[in-house]
Structure formats: structure tokens, C-alpha cells
Amino acid sequence: MSDDPIHFSDIQLATIDAIVSLFESNSPARYDAVAHSAGDAGGLSYGKHQAALVGGQLYALIKMYCDAPGAKYADNFRTYLPALQAGDRALDNDTTLYALLKKAATDPVMQDVQDRYFRDNYMRPALQEVQACGFMNALSCAVVYDSFIQGSWSHGANIKGRTIAKVGAPSAANERDWISAYLATRRAWLVSRGADLARSVYRIDALTALVTAGTWDLALPLPVAMTNYVFTLSAWDLNAHLFADPIFRVDPDHFGVVKARLAVAPEGRDRHVQSLMATLGLIDPVKGVDGRFGVTSANAFKAFQLSCGVAQTGIVDQDAYLLLCDAYRRRVDPPKAASVDALRELPPAQHPDVDRPLAAASTVTGAGAVVALAGATALPTSGASTPPEPQAAPAAPSQAPAAGAGASSAPATSSPPPATAQTPAKSPEAMTARESPKTQAPATTATPAKPAPAQTTATSAGATLSPEWLSLGREFLPWVAIVLIALTAMLILTGRRRAY
């Protein structure tokens, strides 16, 4: 709406549009709403803001749709255009037309046509009036726009003129007082016009409640008082393209509170919370996501709070919403571990602030030796052998592992042996997902240190026994010794008998 005479934010204009849609169809954007009443002078009405048959609004809307490229049901509507143009009240009871109107509302072309029609014919003139009056608040614009939709601003009832007669001309200086007086004047007039118009005073009461609450900028979430219930208008009731993050949309500070209640109409914020919960497997993704956060949803959220170790209130407030968002992000976009190739390209990190002594988990055993990762025994390589995986990349020795966690058989020393650095040490910011300041040993980039004495058990051929073989050897060595002693004794006894 860049060519509009006054510029509220896109979100504020969308909020104004959603408020009026609530008044007209009990939904922030119900494109398929069809209504008619025998006592309604406007006759059959259709769309999110109810374009009326009498007066030609419905004809203009449907004609605009028929002329739009790609309109799926244009041919079906063309047979109705003459009767729509004539304002034929017989259409009030045409069930075939009802079904066609509802079906067409699923067409994205119809939704776009409705948005453009109401913007060009009602929102833009309302913004011109707001500018002429000197009003600067979004709530004032909502009051004027709602009057344009219902038809009582300066035509017909001319509530604007009636208010000027009471409190004077509107201006920036008296904006809030003037809007309050306007709403009171409009309500009194509607009550005086009989049952059909008197029933619509709920929209005046809702706007008056927003004035009383001081929500002049229409910041979301926004409670809108409808007949016998309150609809909490939120960012998730507006078009996703208005927000940089179409999923989370607002800062948690502006999230509000979702708790169990008997909801009359589905709300976007409730549906958003339920969608996150469904992704986490807390509720059924089909039956559980209905936009009504009731007792079932609250109990499921209590289970989530229990898993997080926080109080089980079943209420989604700012802190609880942060927990839910964090769990959702970890589920849909888990942290990815660095590949072996990525680790091979990165040098060891330096962390001089490690506060625990490092165990000599591994040492360099000579030319071509591979430094062990995570406390495994260092394995020297020969010309014919292939380096084992995932030890292809040099890495600094880690802290001493816990017992039974694959620790080396070498005894721990009071200080770690110096590690050789083949590439410059990387900064803490360059750590991979598999590294941590708490487990990464400091590396040196100075001149190469002399190899420390080998602390691994080697065979005569220079090969190293693996920890598994060492463990088996320790377990069975005593039994082997006993057997050998027994055999020796038997040989001695046999030899003596032969001597006799």
C-alpha cells in the first residue's frame, strides 16, 4: 500500500483489517463467509468484510473476480452477473449461489481479489479521512475503517457530522477524546435504528474497550471483545509474508499467554502452539491442532514441562514459549557434527584456561605416529599399514577419560606431554561441533617437541597390542602361568621315574 495517503506499518494495517473481519465474519480472514437476513437492507453479503448485494458491492466484487486471470470459477459466476448487478433479492435464497461462493473462496485468486477490492474501495478512502482529520493512531484508523465498512462515517447516518455538532471538528490535538465521542454517538444511533442494527453494537463496544485499554497502536497480541467471548488477535492470525520469520514471527516478549479455556473460535496463536507441540510428538498432528487450546492441550504441555524440569502449569507464557521454541528448533534443525574431512582441515585449538590437569592419554611413538583421539591408545604406523579411522586428522590430547571409557593403559602424569603442531592453532570461535573448551587440551605452535618415551606395549615386531588384547592378557595370564607350572612339575616327575 505504498501509494496510500498515510503510512501505518503493514502489520498495523493488517491488524485493522483483521479486526473488521472479526466484526463481519467472526474470523480474522474468512473469505467464504456468506450471510443474509430478511430484515437486512443490504441483502445477501459475501466475503471477509461482507460485500452486500443491495448497493452493488457484491456485483463489483464478483465482476472483478471474473475478470481476473486464472479465476477458477469465473464461468460459473458469469451467469449470475445480471442478477447481481440488478440487486435481485431472489438471490438471498439461492443455495446454488451459496455453494459457489463458498467454493470460490478456496481459490487464491478470489482471496487476492477480496483483499484488493476492500483495500481500494474502503481502506484507502478511510486512510484519506484519517489524514484529513489529523489522526495519528492506528486505533483511530480502525474506528474510521469500520465505519466505512458498515456505512455510517459521513454518508447515510453521517455520524461524523453528528459528532462534530457535539464536540467540534476532529484534530490531532483532540484525537482521542473525539474518537471516544464518535463511538458513543455511533452506538446511540445504532440502538435507535431497530433490532438488526442494534445487534451490531458489539463492534462499537469492542472498539470502545480498546480505547479504554489505551491500545492506540494496536500492538499484538490484542484482545478483541466479541459477543460473549474475547478473541486474542495475534501475529499468527495475519499473513505470514508480513514477518521475517514466518514461524515464530514475534519476540517472546510479545507472545502473551496461552492457557486452557473454552474457546468459541479457533485462534492463530493457539494453533501455532499446538503445531509446535505436534512436531515434538506431544499431541496428534491432525486432531490436536484445532486452534483451541483446551484441557487436552494443557495436559500435554504439562508433560513437556515435566521433561524440561520446570513447574507443570500447563500455561504457555513467555518462558515456557522459549522452552518450546528451543525444543522445536532442535527437532527440526539439529546441530550437525563436523565431517572427518572438515576435522582434517582444522588445526588443534588452544584453550589455556582449562582448569584440570590432563592425563597422558597418548604419546607420540616415533616418525609417522598418530596422536590418539579422546584418550585412545596411540598407534604407530608402518609403511605398509593404513591409518585407522577416525584418527586421520591430528588433534590435541583430551583430558583423562573416565574408567571403562577406553582409557589408555599408560599411567596419568602431572602434566601432559607436549603435542606437535603441524598447522597454526585455531581460535575458540573456529571450534567444530565435536570440540569443547572443557575437553580440548591446549596445543603448542612453537618448535616441535622431542618425542616422549613410548608408553604403549609393543611386540617384538614393533606393532602395538590393542587395549582389548591387553585386557584379555591380564585376565588369562595367571591361568596360563598355573598351567605352565603344572606341566613343568609333571615333566620333572616323569624324568625321575625314568631314572629308576
Foldseek 3Di string as FASTA:
>chain_A
DVPFPDDDAPVLVLLLQQLLLCLQAVARFDQLDWDADPPDPQGIFGGSLTQGLPPLRVLVLLVLLLPDPPQPCNVVCVVVNVVSNVSPNVVNPPVVVSVVSNVSSVPVSSSVSRVVSCCVQQLRVLSVVCVVLAADFSLLSSLSSSCSSVPCCCPDVNLQVVLCVPPNGHHHVCPLVSSLSSLVSVQVVQCVPDDVSNVSNQSSVQSNVCSVVVVRNVQPQDWGDGVPDTAGAHPQSGDLVSAPDSQPRDQLVRLAKDAADDDPAAYRSQLSLQCLCVLVVLDPNPVRRRRHCHPSQLVSLLVVCVVVVHHSPSMCHSVSVVVSVVVSCCSVPNDDFDDLVVLQPAWEAAQVPADDAAFQLEFAADPQKFTDEPSAYTWHDDPPDDDDPPRPHHYAYWGADDPPPRHHPFGGDRHYDADETPDDHDYPVPDTPVDDSNIGYGHDHDDGDDTDHGRFDADPVRGGDGPVVVVVCVVCVVVVVVVVVVVVVVVVVVVVVVVD
